[in-house]
Every structure is written in C-alpha cells, then in structure tokens.
Amino acid sequence: MDFMTTPAHDPAPAMDDALRRHIHDIRGHLSPAMLQADVLALSQDAATRKAAQAILDALDAATRDLAAMRRLLGTGRP
C-alpha cells in the first residue's frame, strides 16, 4: 500500500510577509508624530523644545526596534 504524502506547509514566509506589512504600517503611524515633533522642536519655548526632543528620542528608539525586528524576519532567530 502506497501512501501519498504532501510536503509540510511552511507558514513562516506568509507570517514574515504579514509582519513586514505590520512593521511598515506601524512606521507609517509614527511618521505624522515625528513630523509634528520636528515642528515643535523649532519652538521658541525651551520647555516645548525639550518635550519635542523627548518625543523624537522615543520615536527614534521605536523605529530602531522596528528595523531590528524587520532584520530578524526570515532568519529564524529570536
């Protein structure tokens, strides 16, 4: 008796594509906040400039983390 087997379906490529799209979308959501923080960073008010820099630093950290996540896709490493 012969049994036909089908190769196992690897869901990883589809998952990687979905995660790439989500990372792209998240970066898109952060972009308007970055633009507004850039405008606030030009304020004459020192407190506003300081707050804007804190926002920009946080957004930069988030985009670095997203870039690191994107580099991990397809590598199979945590």
Protein backbone atom coordinates (compact mmCIF):
# COMPACT_ATOMS: atom_id res chain seq x y z
CA MET A 1 0.00 0.00 0.00
CA ASP A 2 1.42 3.35 -1.03
CA PHE A 3 0.63 6.45 0.94
CA MET A 4 0.94 9.74 -0.77
CA THR A 5 2.33 12.42 1.40
CA THR A 6 2.36 16.08 0.81
CA PRO A 7 5.21 18.24 1.95
CA ALA A 8 4.54 20.11 5.14
CA HIS A 9 3.34 23.63 4.52
CA ASP A 10 5.74 26.16 5.99
CA PRO A 11 3.69 29.11 7.29
CA ALA A 12 6.84 31.13 8.06
CA PRO A 13 7.06 33.03 4.73
CA ALA A 14 3.42 34.11 4.98
CA MET A 15 3.94 35.13 8.60
CA ASP A 16 7.08 37.07 7.64
CA ASP A 17 5.16 38.93 4.93
CA ALA A 18 2.36 39.77 7.36
CA LEU A 19 4.84 41.02 9.96
CA ARG A 20 6.67 43.12 7.35
CA ARG A 21 3.35 44.75 6.43
CA HIS A 22 2.57 45.44 10.10
CA ILE A 23 6.02 46.92 10.69
CA HIS A 24 5.55 49.12 7.63
CA ASP A 25 2.12 50.21 8.86
CA ILE A 26 3.42 50.99 12.36
CA ARG A 27 6.19 53.14 10.89
CA GLY A 28 3.51 54.91 8.86
CA HIS A 29 1.53 55.61 12.03
CA LEU A 30 4.62 57.05 13.72
CA SER A 31 5.55 59.31 10.81
CA PRO A 32 2.99 62.10 11.49
CA ALA A 33 4.07 62.21 15.14
CA MET A 34 7.69 62.60 14.05
CA LEU A 35 6.79 65.43 11.70
CA GLN A 36 4.85 67.26 14.40
CA ALA A 37 7.62 66.74 16.95
CA ASP A 38 10.09 68.19 14.42
CA VAL A 39 7.90 71.29 14.20
CA LEU A 40 7.66 71.55 18.00
CA ALA A 41 11.44 71.21 18.26
CA LEU A 42 11.71 74.57 16.49
CA SER A 43 9.60 76.32 19.13
CA GLN A 44 10.92 79.40 20.88
CA ASP A 45 9.77 77.91 24.19
CA ALA A 46 12.52 75.86 25.86
CA ALA A 47 10.08 73.52 27.62
CA THR A 48 8.36 72.75 24.31
CA ARG A 49 11.72 72.06 22.63
CA LYS A 50 12.72 69.76 25.49
CA ALA A 51 9.42 67.87 25.28
CA ALA A 52 9.74 67.62 21.50
CA GLN A 53 13.23 66.15 21.85
CA ALA A 54 11.93 63.55 24.32
CA ILE A 55 9.21 62.60 21.82
CA LEU A 56 11.73 62.42 18.96
CA ASP A 57 14.07 60.26 21.04
CA ALA A 58 11.24 57.84 21.86
CA LEU A 59 10.10 57.69 18.24
CA ASP A 60 13.68 57.10 17.07
CA ALA A 61 14.01 54.22 19.54
CA ALA A 62 10.72 52.74 18.32
CA THR A 63 11.79 52.93 14.67
CA ARG A 64 15.18 51.36 15.51
CA ASP A 65 13.37 48.50 17.24
CA LEU A 66 11.07 48.06 14.24
CA ALA A 67 14.09 47.97 11.93
CA ALA A 68 15.71 45.34 14.15
CA MET A 69 12.51 43.28 14.05
CA ARG A 70 12.43 43.51 10.27
CA ARG A 71 16.03 42.28 10.02
CA LEU A 72 15.13 39.25 12.15
CA LEU A 73 12.34 38.17 9.81
CA GLY A 74 13.28 35.10 7.84
CA THR A 75 16.36 34.39 9.96
CA GLY A 76 14.62 32.04 12.37
CA ARG A 77 16.46 33.68 15.27
CA PRO A 78 14.81 35.38 18.25
